[in-house]
PDB file of all heavy atoms in Angstrom:
ATOM      1  N   GLN A   1     116.518 104.815 120.701  1.00  0.00           N
ATOM      2  CA  GLN A   1     115.820 104.824 121.976  1.00  0.00           C
ATOM      3  C   GLN A   1     114.444 105.425 121.739  1.00  0.00           C
ATOM      4  O   GLN A   1     114.329 106.581 121.323  1.00  0.00           O
ATOM      5  CB  GLN A   1     116.598 105.654 123.004  1.00  0.00           C
ATOM      6  CG  GLN A   1     115.906 105.780 124.351  1.00  0.00           C
ATOM      7  CD  GLN A   1     115.806 104.471 125.094  1.00  0.00           C
ATOM      8  OE1 GLN A   1     116.762 103.683 125.117  1.00  0.00           O
ATOM      9  NE2 GLN A   1     114.658 104.210 125.712  1.00  0.00           N
ATOM     10  N   MET A   2     113.408 104.654 122.019  1.00  0.00           N
ATOM     11  CA  MET A   2     112.032 105.085 121.761  1.00  0.00           C
ATOM     12  C   MET A   2     111.316 105.247 123.088  1.00  0.00           C
ATOM     13  O   MET A   2     111.140 104.280 123.824  1.00  0.00           O
ATOM     14  CB  MET A   2     111.308 104.065 120.876  1.00  0.00           C
ATOM     15  CG  MET A   2     112.051 103.763 119.579  1.00  0.00           C
ATOM     16  SD  MET A   2     111.104 102.733 118.442  1.00  0.00           S
ATOM     17  CE  MET A   2     111.013 101.214 119.374  1.00  0.00           C
ATOM     18  N   ASN A   3     110.909 106.468 123.388  1.00  0.00           N
ATOM     19  CA  ASN A   3     110.218 106.791 124.617  1.00  0.00           C
ATOM     20  C   ASN A   3     108.807 107.295 124.312  1.00  0.00           C
ATOM     21  O   ASN A   3     108.532 107.731 123.187  1.00  0.00           O
ATOM     22  CB  ASN A   3     110.986 107.867 125.384  1.00  0.00           C
ATOM     23  CG  ASN A   3     112.408 107.460 125.693  1.00  0.00           C
ATOM     24  OD1 ASN A   3     112.672 106.321 126.116  1.00  0.00           O
ATOM     25  ND2 ASN A   3     113.344 108.371 125.492  1.00  0.00           N
ATOM     26  N   GLY A   4     107.946 107.253 125.298  1.00  0.00           N
ATOM     27  CA  GLY A   4     106.596 107.752 125.095  1.00  0.00           C
ATOM     28  C   GLY A   4     105.899 107.082 123.934  1.00  0.00           C
ATOM     29  O   GLY A   4     105.225 107.738 123.131  1.00  0.00           O
ATOM     30  N   LEU A   5     106.029 105.778 123.839  1.00  0.00           N
ATOM     31  CA  LEU A   5     105.498 105.065 122.673  1.00  0.00           C
ATOM     32  C   LEU A   5     103.980 105.152 122.598  1.00  0.00           C
ATOM     33  O   LEU A   5     103.287 105.124 123.628  1.00  0.00           O
ATOM     34  CB  LEU A   5     105.957 103.621 122.692  1.00  0.00           C
ATOM     35  CG  LEU A   5     107.415 103.439 122.253  1.00  0.00           C
ATOM     36  CD1 LEU A   5     107.961 102.090 122.685  1.00  0.00           C
ATOM     37  CD2 LEU A   5     107.533 103.591 120.735  1.00  0.00           C
ATOM     38  N   LYS A   6     103.500 105.258 121.373  1.00  0.00           N
ATOM     39  CA  LYS A   6     102.079 105.359 121.083  1.00  0.00           C
ATOM     40  C   LYS A   6     101.667 104.184 120.201  1.00  0.00           C
ATOM     41  O   LYS A   6     102.506 103.616 119.490  1.00  0.00           O
ATOM     42  CB  LYS A   6     101.795 106.669 120.338  1.00  0.00           C
ATOM     43  CG  LYS A   6     102.294 107.914 121.038  1.00  0.00           C
ATOM     44  CD  LYS A   6     102.085 109.146 120.168  1.00  0.00           C
ATOM     45  CE  LYS A   6     102.601 110.406 120.846  1.00  0.00           C
ATOM     46  NZ  LYS A   6     102.413 111.610 119.990  1.00  0.00           N
ATOM     47  N   PRO A   7     100.377 103.839 120.190  1.00  0.00           N
ATOM     48  CA  PRO A   7      99.931 102.748 119.304  1.00  0.00           C
ATOM     49  C   PRO A   7     100.313 102.977 117.838  1.00  0.00           C
ATOM     50  O   PRO A   7     100.616 102.015 117.132  1.00  0.00           O
ATOM     51  CB  PRO A   7      98.416 102.753 119.501  1.00  0.00           C
ATOM     52  CG  PRO A   7      98.222 103.256 120.893  1.00  0.00           C
ATOM     53  CD  PRO A   7      99.298 104.296 121.082  1.00  0.00           C
ATOM     54  N   GLU A   8     100.330 104.220 117.406  1.00  0.00           N
ATOM     55  CA  GLU A   8     100.683 104.499 116.008  1.00  0.00           C
ATOM     56  C   GLU A   8     102.167 104.300 115.713  1.00  0.00           C
ATOM     57  O   GLU A   8     102.588 104.402 114.562  1.00  0.00           O
ATOM     58  CB  GLU A   8     100.265 105.924 115.608  1.00  0.00           C
ATOM     59  CG  GLU A   8     100.741 107.010 116.544  1.00  0.00           C
ATOM     60  CD  GLU A   8      99.676 107.413 117.552  1.00  0.00           C
ATOM     61  OE1 GLU A   8      98.997 106.514 118.100  1.00  0.00           O
ATOM     62  OE2 GLU A   8      99.555 108.628 117.810  1.00  0.00           O
ATOM     63  N   ASP A   9     102.972 104.027 116.726  1.00  0.00           N
ATOM     64  CA  ASP A   9     104.372 103.681 116.511  1.00  0.00           C
ATOM     65  C   ASP A   9     104.556 102.198 116.167  1.00  0.00           C
ATOM     66  O   ASP A   9     105.666 101.761 115.855  1.00  0.00           O
ATOM     67  CB  ASP A   9     105.212 104.000 117.752  1.00  0.00           C
ATOM     68  CG  ASP A   9     105.279 105.495 118.047  1.00  0.00           C
ATOM     69  OD1 ASP A   9     105.445 106.280 117.095  1.00  0.00           O
ATOM     70  OD2 ASP A   9     105.159 105.855 119.233  1.00  0.00           O
ATOM     71  N   THR A  10     103.488 101.450 116.242  1.00  0.00           N
ATOM     72  CA  THR A  10     103.536 100.025 115.911  1.00  0.00           C
ATOM     73  C   THR A  10     103.969  99.811 114.474  1.00  0.00           C
ATOM     74  O   THR A  10     103.530 100.538 113.566  1.00  0.00           O
ATOM     75  CB  THR A  10     102.155  99.389 116.148  1.00  0.00           C
ATOM     76  OG1 THR A  10     101.868  99.416 117.543  1.00  0.00           O
ATOM     77  CG2 THR A  10     102.114  97.952 115.650  1.00  0.00           C
ATOM     78  N   GLY A  11     104.818  98.812 114.264  1.00  0.00           N
ATOM     79  CA  GLY A  11     105.255  98.475 112.918  1.00  0.00           C
ATOM     80  C   GLY A  11     106.512  97.640 112.956  1.00  0.00           C
ATOM     81  O   GLY A  11     107.042  97.355 114.036  1.00  0.00           O
ATOM     82  N   VAL A  12     106.973  97.254 111.788  1.00  0.00           N
ATOM     83  CA  VAL A  12     108.272  96.598 111.658  1.00  0.00           C
ATOM     84  C   VAL A  12     109.314  97.686 111.466  1.00  0.00           C
ATOM     85  O   VAL A  12     109.175  98.530 110.573  1.00  0.00           O
ATOM     86  CB  VAL A  12     108.294  95.608 110.482  1.00  0.00           C
ATOM     87  CG1 VAL A  12     109.671  94.959 110.371  1.00  0.00           C
ATOM     88  CG2 VAL A  12     107.218  94.542 110.657  1.00  0.00           C
ATOM     89  N   TYR A  13     110.325  97.667 112.301  1.00  0.00           N
ATOM     90  CA  TYR A  13     111.377  98.681 112.255  1.00  0.00           C
ATOM     91  C   TYR A  13     112.605  98.092 111.560  1.00  0.00           C
ATOM     92  O   TYR A  13     113.066  97.004 111.917  1.00  0.00           O
ATOM     93  CB  TYR A  13     111.724  99.158 113.667  1.00  0.00           C
ATOM     94  CG  TYR A  13     110.717 100.155 114.193  1.00  0.00           C
ATOM     95  CD1 TYR A  13     109.424  99.751 114.524  1.00  0.00           C
ATOM     96  CD2 TYR A  13     111.043 101.494 114.332  1.00  0.00           C
ATOM     97  CE1 TYR A  13     108.484 100.676 114.985  1.00  0.00           C
ATOM     98  CE2 TYR A  13     110.114 102.428 114.801  1.00  0.00           C
ATOM     99  CZ  TYR A  13     108.845 102.008 115.117  1.00  0.00           C
ATOM    100  OH  TYR A  13     107.918 102.926 115.584  1.00  0.00           O
ATOM    101  N   TYR A  14     113.103  98.836 110.587  1.00  0.00           N
ATOM    102  CA  TYR A  14     114.273  98.435 109.821  1.00  0.00           C
ATOM    103  C   TYR A  14     115.380  99.465 110.000  1.00  0.00           C
ATOM    104  O   TYR A  14     115.111 100.668 110.065  1.00  0.00           O
ATOM    105  CB  TYR A  14     113.944  98.373 108.328  1.00  0.00           C
ATOM    106  CG  TYR A  14     112.858  97.415 107.933  1.00  0.00           C
ATOM    107  CD1 TYR A  14     111.512  97.805 107.931  1.00  0.00           C
ATOM    108  CD2 TYR A  14     113.156  96.107 107.547  1.00  0.00           C
ATOM    109  CE1 TYR A  14     110.504  96.929 107.558  1.00  0.00           C
ATOM    110  CE2 TYR A  14     112.157  95.226 107.178  1.00  0.00           C
ATOM    111  CZ  TYR A  14     110.836  95.646 107.184  1.00  0.00           C
ATOM    112  OH  TYR A  14     109.846  94.761 106.813  1.00  0.00           O
ATOM    113  N   CYS A  15     116.617  98.992 110.018  1.00  0.00           N
ATOM    114  CA  CYS A  15     117.722  99.915 109.836  1.00  0.00           C
ATOM    115  C   CYS A  15     118.280  99.715 108.429  1.00  0.00           C
ATOM    116  O   CYS A  15     118.167  98.622 107.852  1.00  0.00           O
ATOM    117  CB  CYS A  15     118.791  99.774 110.900  1.00  0.00           C
ATOM    118  SG  CYS A  15     119.719  98.233 110.917  1.00  0.00           S
ATOM    119  N   ALA A  16     118.841 100.782 107.910  1.00  0.00           N
ATOM    120  CA  ALA A  16     119.332 100.768 106.537  1.00  0.00           C
ATOM    121  C   ALA A  16     120.524 101.705 106.421  1.00  0.00           C
ATOM    122  O   ALA A  16     120.695 102.611 107.250  1.00  0.00           O
ATOM    123  CB  ALA A  16     118.230 101.193 105.573  1.00  0.00           C
ATOM    124  N   ALA A  17     121.328 101.486 105.391  1.00  0.00           N
ATOM    125  CA  ALA A  17     122.533 102.289 105.187  1.00  0.00           C
ATOM    126  C   ALA A  17     122.451 103.054 103.873  1.00  0.00           C
ATOM    127  O   ALA A  17     122.106 102.466 102.832  1.00  0.00           O
ATOM    128  CB  ALA A  17     123.769 101.397 105.188  1.00  0.00           C
ATOM    129  N   ASP A  18     122.748 104.344 103.942  1.00  0.00           N
ATOM    130  CA  ASP A  18     122.894 105.168 102.739  1.00  0.00           C
ATOM    131  C   ASP A  18     124.386 105.270 102.462  1.00  0.00           C
ATOM    132  O   ASP A  18     125.103 106.021 103.121  1.00  0.00           O
ATOM    133  CB  ASP A  18     122.281 106.554 102.978  1.00  0.00           C
ATOM    134  CG  ASP A  18     122.419 107.474 101.773  1.00  0.00           C
ATOM    135  OD1 ASP A  18     123.049 107.064 100.778  1.00  0.00           O
ATOM    136  OD2 ASP A  18     121.895 108.596 101.833  1.00  0.00           O
ATOM    137  N   LEU A  19     124.839 104.494 101.484  1.00  0.00           N
ATOM    138  CA  LEU A  19     126.271 104.371 101.225  1.00  0.00           C
ATOM    139  C   LEU A  19     126.771 105.372 100.180  1.00  0.00           C
ATOM    140  O   LEU A  19     127.968 105.396  99.893  1.00  0.00           O
ATOM    141  CB  LEU A  19     126.584 102.949 100.763  1.00  0.00           C
ATOM    142  CG  LEU A  19     126.150 101.841 101.737  1.00  0.00           C
ATOM    143  CD1 LEU A  19     126.414 100.474 101.148  1.00  0.00           C
ATOM    144  CD2 LEU A  19     126.851 101.998 103.082  1.00  0.00           C
ATOM    145  N   THR A  20     125.866 106.165  99.621  1.00  0.00           N
ATOM    146  CA  THR A  20     126.263 107.151  98.607  1.00  0.00           C
ATOM    147  C   THR A  20     125.950 108.569  99.051  1.00  0.00           C
ATOM    148  O   THR A  20     125.824 109.471  98.226  1.00  0.00           O
ATOM    149  CB  THR A  20     125.565 106.846  97.266  1.00  0.00           C
ATOM    150  OG1 THR A  20     124.139 106.873  97.467  1.00  0.00           O
ATOM    151  CG2 THR A  20     125.976 105.491  96.724  1.00  0.00           C
ATOM    152  N   LEU A  21     125.839 108.782 100.339  1.00  0.00           N
ATOM    153  CA  LEU A  21     125.576 110.118 100.871  1.00  0.00           C
ATOM    154  C   LEU A  21     126.746 111.042 100.540  1.00  0.00           C
ATOM    155  O   LEU A  21     127.888 110.718 100.878  1.00  0.00           O
ATOM    156  CB  LEU A  21     125.382 110.030 102.383  1.00  0.00           C
ATOM    157  CG  LEU A  21     125.041 111.321 103.119  1.00  0.00           C
ATOM    158  CD1 LEU A  21     123.680 111.838 102.689  1.00  0.00           C
ATOM    159  CD2 LEU A  21     125.067 111.090 104.623  1.00  0.00           C
ATOM    160  N   PRO A  22     126.468 112.170  99.885  1.00  0.00           N
ATOM    161  CA  PRO A  22     127.566 113.092  99.562  1.00  0.00           C
ATOM    162  C   PRO A  22     128.265 113.589 100.824  1.00  0.00           C
ATOM    163  O   PRO A  22     127.625 113.824 101.859  1.00  0.00           O
ATOM    164  CB  PRO A  22     126.854 114.231  98.828  1.00  0.00           C
ATOM    165  CG  PRO A  22     125.626 113.606  98.264  1.00  0.00           C
ATOM    166  CD  PRO A  22     125.192 112.602  99.302  1.00  0.00           C
ATOM    167  N   LEU A  23     129.569 113.764 100.728  1.00  0.00           N
ATOM    168  CA  LEU A  23     130.375 114.162 101.869  1.00  0.00           C
ATOM    169  C   LEU A  23     129.841 115.433 102.514  1.00  0.00           C
ATOM    170  O   LEU A  23     129.572 116.424 101.835  1.00  0.00           O
ATOM    171  CB  LEU A  23     131.819 114.376 101.413  1.00  0.00           C
ATOM    172  CG  LEU A  23     132.882 114.532 102.495  1.00  0.00           C
ATOM    173  CD1 LEU A  23     132.950 113.275 103.348  1.00  0.00           C
ATOM    174  CD2 LEU A  23     134.238 114.819 101.857  1.00  0.00           C
ATOM    175  N   PHE A  24     129.636 115.367 103.826  1.00  0.00           N
ATOM    176  CA  PHE A  24     129.173 116.461 104.680  1.00  0.00           C
ATOM    177  C   PHE A  24     127.685 116.778 104.528  1.00  0.00           C
ATOM    178  O   PHE A  24     127.182 117.648 105.227  1.00  0.00           O
ATOM    179  CB  PHE A  24     129.992 117.741 104.474  1.00  0.00           C
ATOM    180  CG  PHE A  24     131.465 117.557 104.720  1.00  0.00           C
ATOM    181  CD1 PHE A  24     132.413 118.069 103.845  1.00  0.00           C
ATOM    182  CD2 PHE A  24     131.924 116.838 105.806  1.00  0.00           C
ATOM    183  CE1 PHE A  24     133.764 117.884 104.055  1.00  0.00           C
ATOM    184  CE2 PHE A  24     133.271 116.637 106.033  1.00  0.00           C
ATOM    185  CZ  PHE A  24     134.198 117.168 105.154  1.00  0.00           C
ATOM    186  N   ASP A  25     126.986 116.095 103.634  1.00  0.00           N
ATOM    187  CA  ASP A  25     125.539 116.317 103.541  1.00  0.00           C
ATOM    188  C   ASP A  25     124.844 115.713 104.754  1.00  0.00           C
ATOM    189  O   ASP A  25     125.266 114.659 105.257  1.00  0.00           O
ATOM    190  CB  ASP A  25     124.972 115.676 102.282  1.00  0.00           C
ATOM    191  CG  ASP A  25     125.044 116.590 101.080  1.00  0.00           C
ATOM    192  OD1 ASP A  25     125.784 117.594 101.152  1.00  0.00           O
ATOM    193  OD2 ASP A  25     124.368 116.301 100.072  1.00  0.00           O
ATOM    194  N   PRO A  26     123.751 116.329 105.235  1.00  0.00           N
ATOM    195  CA  PRO A  26     122.958 115.675 106.279  1.00  0.00           C
ATOM    196  C   PRO A  26     122.223 114.475 105.700  1.00  0.00           C
ATOM    197  O   PRO A  26     121.915 114.435 104.501  1.00  0.00           O
ATOM    198  CB  PRO A  26     121.965 116.765 106.704  1.00  0.00           C
ATOM    199  CG  PRO A  26     121.845 117.637 105.507  1.00  0.00           C
ATOM    200  CD  PRO A  26     123.190 117.628 104.847  1.00  0.00           C
ATOM    201  N   CYS A  27     121.968 113.493 106.529  1.00  0.00           N
ATOM    202  CA  CYS A  27     121.231 112.325 106.055  1.00  0.00           C
ATOM    203  C   CYS A  27     119.766 112.705 105.845  1.00  0.00           C
ATOM    204  O   CYS A  27     119.268 113.670 106.425  1.00  0.00           O
ATOM    205  CB  CYS A  27     121.356 111.163 107.039  1.00  0.00           C
ATOM    206  SG  CYS A  27     120.786 111.527 108.711  1.00  0.00           S
ATOM    207  N   VAL A  28     119.105 111.920 105.010  1.00  0.00           N
ATOM    208  CA  VAL A  28     117.706 112.172 104.683  1.00  0.00           C
ATOM    209  C   VAL A  28     116.889 110.939 104.989  1.00  0.00           C
ATOM    210  O   VAL A  28     117.424 109.845 105.177  1.00  0.00           O
ATOM    211  CB  VAL A  28     117.548 112.573 103.205  1.00  0.00           C
ATOM    212  CG1 VAL A  28     118.235 113.906 102.939  1.00  0.00           C
ATOM    213  CG2 VAL A  28     118.103 111.495 102.279  1.00  0.00           C
ATOM    214  N   LEU A  29     115.571 111.091 105.013  1.00  0.00           N
ATOM    215  CA  LEU A  29     114.710 109.985 105.433  1.00  0.00           C
ATOM    216  C   LEU A  29     113.921 109.376 104.282  1.00  0.00           C
ATOM    217  O   LEU A  29     112.924 108.700 104.514  1.00  0.00           O
ATOM    218  CB  LEU A  29     113.755 110.476 106.529  1.00  0.00           C
ATOM    219  CG  LEU A  29     114.457 110.895 107.826  1.00  0.00           C
ATOM    220  CD1 LEU A  29     113.447 111.450 108.817  1.00  0.00           C
ATOM    221  CD2 LEU A  29     115.212 109.713 108.425  1.00  0.00           C
ATOM    222  N   GLY A  30     114.364 109.600 103.064  1.00  0.00           N
ATOM    223  CA  GLY A  30     113.728 108.952 101.931  1.00  0.00           C
ATOM    224  C   GLY A  30     114.250 107.541 101.751  1.00  0.00           C
ATOM    225  O   GLY A  30     115.459 107.333 101.603  1.00  0.00           O
ATOM    226  N   MET A  31     113.374 106.567 101.744  1.00  0.00           N
ATOM    227  CA  MET A  31     113.812 105.170 101.728  1.00  0.00           C
ATOM    228  C   MET A  31     114.593 104.818 100.466  1.00  0.00           C
ATOM    229  O   MET A  31     115.456 103.933 100.495  1.00  0.00           O
ATOM    230  CB  MET A  31     112.622 104.226 101.875  1.00  0.00           C
ATOM    231  CG  MET A  31     111.588 104.310 100.753  1.00  0.00           C
ATOM    232  SD  MET A  31     110.324 103.030 100.897  1.00  0.00           S
ATOM    233  CE  MET A  31     111.234 101.593 100.402  1.00  0.00           C
ATOM    234  N   HIS A  32     114.330 105.513  99.381  1.00  0.00           N
ATOM    235  CA  HIS A  32     114.990 105.170  98.122  1.00  0.00           C
ATOM    236  C   HIS A  32     116.449 105.614  98.097  1.00  0.00           C
ATOM    237  O   HIS A  32     117.188 105.246  97.178  1.00  0.00           O
ATOM    238  CB  HIS A  32     114.218 105.783  96.956  1.00  0.00           C
ATOM    239  CG  HIS A  32     112.804 105.285  96.874  1.00  0.00           C
ATOM    240  ND1 HIS A  32     112.491 103.974  96.539  1.00  0.00           N
ATOM    241  CD2 HIS A  32     111.616 105.899  97.122  1.00  0.00           C
ATOM    242  CE1 HIS A  32     111.182 103.818  96.579  1.00  0.00           C
ATOM    243  NE2 HIS A  32     110.626 104.972  96.929  1.00  0.00           N
ATOM    244  N   GLU A  33     116.884 106.369  99.096  1.00  0.00           N
ATOM    245  CA  GLU A  33     118.284 106.774  99.187  1.00  0.00           C
ATOM    246  C   GLU A  33     119.144 105.679  99.814  1.00  0.00           C
ATOM    247  O   GLU A  33     120.358 105.762  99.784  1.00  0.00           O
ATOM    248  CB  GLU A  33     118.402 108.045 100.038  1.00  0.00           C
ATOM    249  CG  GLU A  33     117.626 109.241  99.504  1.00  0.00           C
ATOM    250  CD  GLU A  33     118.167 109.715  98.173  1.00  0.00           C
ATOM    251  OE1 GLU A  33     119.398 109.621  97.956  1.00  0.00           O
ATOM    252  OE2 GLU A  33     117.370 110.180  97.335  1.00  0.00           O
ATOM    253  N   TYR A  34     118.512 104.679 100.385  1.00  0.00           N
ATOM    254  CA  TYR A  34     119.228 103.687 101.177  1.00  0.00           C
ATOM    255  C   TYR A  34     119.459 102.417 100.381  1.00  0.00           C
ATOM    256  O   TYR A  34     118.586 101.956  99.642  1.00  0.00           O
ATOM    257  CB  TYR A  34     118.475 103.421 102.479  1.00  0.00           C
ATOM    258  CG  TYR A  34     118.593 104.600 103.414  1.00  0.00           C
ATOM    259  CD1 TYR A  34     117.862 105.765 103.190  1.00  0.00           C
ATOM    260  CD2 TYR A  34     119.478 104.571 104.481  1.00  0.00           C
ATOM    261  CE1 TYR A  34     117.997 106.860 104.019  1.00  0.00           C
ATOM    262  CE2 TYR A  34     119.618 105.658 105.327  1.00  0.00           C
ATOM    263  CZ  TYR A  34     118.879 106.801 105.085  1.00  0.00           C
ATOM    264  OH  TYR A  34     119.025 107.886 105.908  1.00  0.00           O
ATOM    265  N   ASP A  35     120.642 101.844 100.578  1.00  0.00           N
ATOM    266  CA  ASP A  35     121.121 100.758  99.712  1.00  0.00           C
ATOM    267  C   ASP A  35     121.051  99.388 100.361  1.00  0.00           C
ATOM    268  O   ASP A  35     120.788  98.397  99.687  1.00  0.00           O
ATOM    269  CB  ASP A  35     122.593 101.020  99.327  1.00  0.00           C
ATOM    270  CG  ASP A  35     122.828 102.458  98.909  1.00  0.00           C
ATOM    271  OD1 ASP A  35     122.481 102.784  97.763  1.00  0.00           O
ATOM    272  OD2 ASP A  35     123.328 103.252  99.734  1.00  0.00           O
ATOM    273  N   SER A  36     121.321  99.324 101.647  1.00  0.00           N
ATOM    274  CA  SER A  36     121.371  98.041 102.348  1.00  0.00           C
ATOM    275  C   SER A  36     120.374  98.087 103.497  1.00  0.00           C
ATOM    276  O   SER A  36     120.285  99.082 104.210  1.00  0.00           O
ATOM    277  CB  SER A  36     122.770  97.777 102.904  1.00  0.00           C
ATOM    278  OG  SER A  36     123.714  97.684 101.868  1.00  0.00           O
ATOM    279  N   TRP A  37     119.672  96.979 103.680  1.00  0.00           N
ATOM    280  CA  TRP A  37     118.606  96.909 104.675  1.00  0.00           C
ATOM    281  C   TRP A  37     118.763  95.686 105.563  1.00  0.00           C
ATOM    282  O   TRP A  37     119.208  94.630 105.113  1.00  0.00           O
ATOM    283  CB  TRP A  37     117.240  96.834 103.981  1.00  0.00           C
ATOM    284  CG  TRP A  37     116.891  98.081 103.251  1.00  0.00           C
ATOM    285  CD1 TRP A  37     117.288  98.435 101.992  1.00  0.00           C
ATOM    286  CD2 TRP A  37     116.065  99.145 103.721  1.00  0.00           C
ATOM    287  NE1 TRP A  37     116.764  99.667 101.660  1.00  0.00           N
ATOM    288  CE2 TRP A  37     116.004 100.119 102.701  1.00  0.00           C
ATOM    289  CE3 TRP A  37     115.363  99.378 104.904  1.00  0.00           C
ATOM    290  CZ2 TRP A  37     115.273 101.302 102.844  1.00  0.00           C
ATOM    291  CZ3 TRP A  37     114.644 100.550 105.047  1.00  0.00           C
ATOM    292  CH2 TRP A  37     114.602 101.505 104.022  1.00  0.00           C
ATOM    293  N   GLY A  38     118.353  95.844 106.828  1.00  0.00           N
ATOM    294  CA  GLY A  38     118.261  94.700 107.709  1.00  0.00           C
ATOM    295  C   GLY A  38     116.949  93.967 107.493  1.00  0.00           C
ATOM    296  O   GLY A  38     116.128  94.351 106.652  1.00  0.00           O
ATOM    297  N   GLN A  39     116.724  92.942 108.312  1.00  0.00           N
ATOM    298  CA  GLN A  39     115.545  92.100 108.138  1.00  0.00           C
ATOM    299  C   GLN A  39     114.330  92.623 108.900  1.00  0.00           C
ATOM    300  O   GLN A  39     113.224  92.172 108.683  1.00  0.00           O
ATOM    301  CB  GLN A  39     115.855  90.664 108.587  1.00  0.00           C
ATOM    302  CG  GLN A  39     115.751  90.408 110.092  1.00  0.00           C
ATOM    303  CD  GLN A  39     116.832  91.077 110.919  1.00  0.00           C
ATOM    304  OE1 GLN A  39     117.830  91.563 110.395  1.00  0.00           O
ATOM    305  NE2 GLN A  39     116.640  91.086 112.237  1.00  0.00           N
ATOM    306  N   GLY A  40     114.542  93.566 109.815  1.00  0.00           N
ATOM    307  CA  GLY A  40     113.444  94.186 110.550  1.00  0.00           C
ATOM    308  C   GLY A  40     113.186  93.546 111.898  1.00  0.00           C
ATOM    309  O   GLY A  40     113.507  92.380 112.131  1.00  0.00           O
ATOM    310  N   THR A  41     112.602  94.343 112.791  1.00  0.00           N
ATOM    311  CA  THR A  41     112.198  93.848 114.106  1.00  0.00           C
ATOM    312  C   THR A  41     110.838  94.468 114.438  1.00  0.00           C
ATOM    313  O   THR A  41     110.611  95.657 114.222  1.00  0.00           O
ATOM    314  CB  THR A  41     113.253  94.191 115.186  1.00  0.00           C
ATOM    315  OG1 THR A  41     112.875  93.616 116.439  1.00  0.00           O
ATOM    316  CG2 THR A  41     113.436  95.689 115.368  1.00  0.00           C
ATOM    317  N   GLN A  42     109.925  93.638 114.933  1.00  0.00           N
ATOM    318  CA  GLN A  42     108.550  94.072 115.167  1.00  0.00           C
ATOM    319  C   GLN A  42     108.434  94.825 116.483  1.00  0.00           C
ATOM    320  O   GLN A  42     108.920  94.373 117.528  1.00  0.00           O
ATOM    321  CB  GLN A  42     107.609  92.855 115.193  1.00  0.00           C
ATOM    322  CG  GLN A  42     106.167  93.172 115.521  1.00  0.00           C
ATOM    323  CD  GLN A  42     105.455  93.901 114.393  1.00  0.00           C
ATOM    324  OE1 GLN A  42     105.574  93.537 113.230  1.00  0.00           O
ATOM    325  NE2 GLN A  42     104.677  94.924 114.743  1.00  0.00           N
TER     326      GLN A  42
END
């Protein structure tokens, strides 16, 4: 849910899955940690 959108929020948005996240670790936002990607939505 994206509220208060700004021009700098413009871009292609992708969802991705980190399938090797260690048990109980918090997720991280480094793209190289993610294994599977969607096609994106503008």
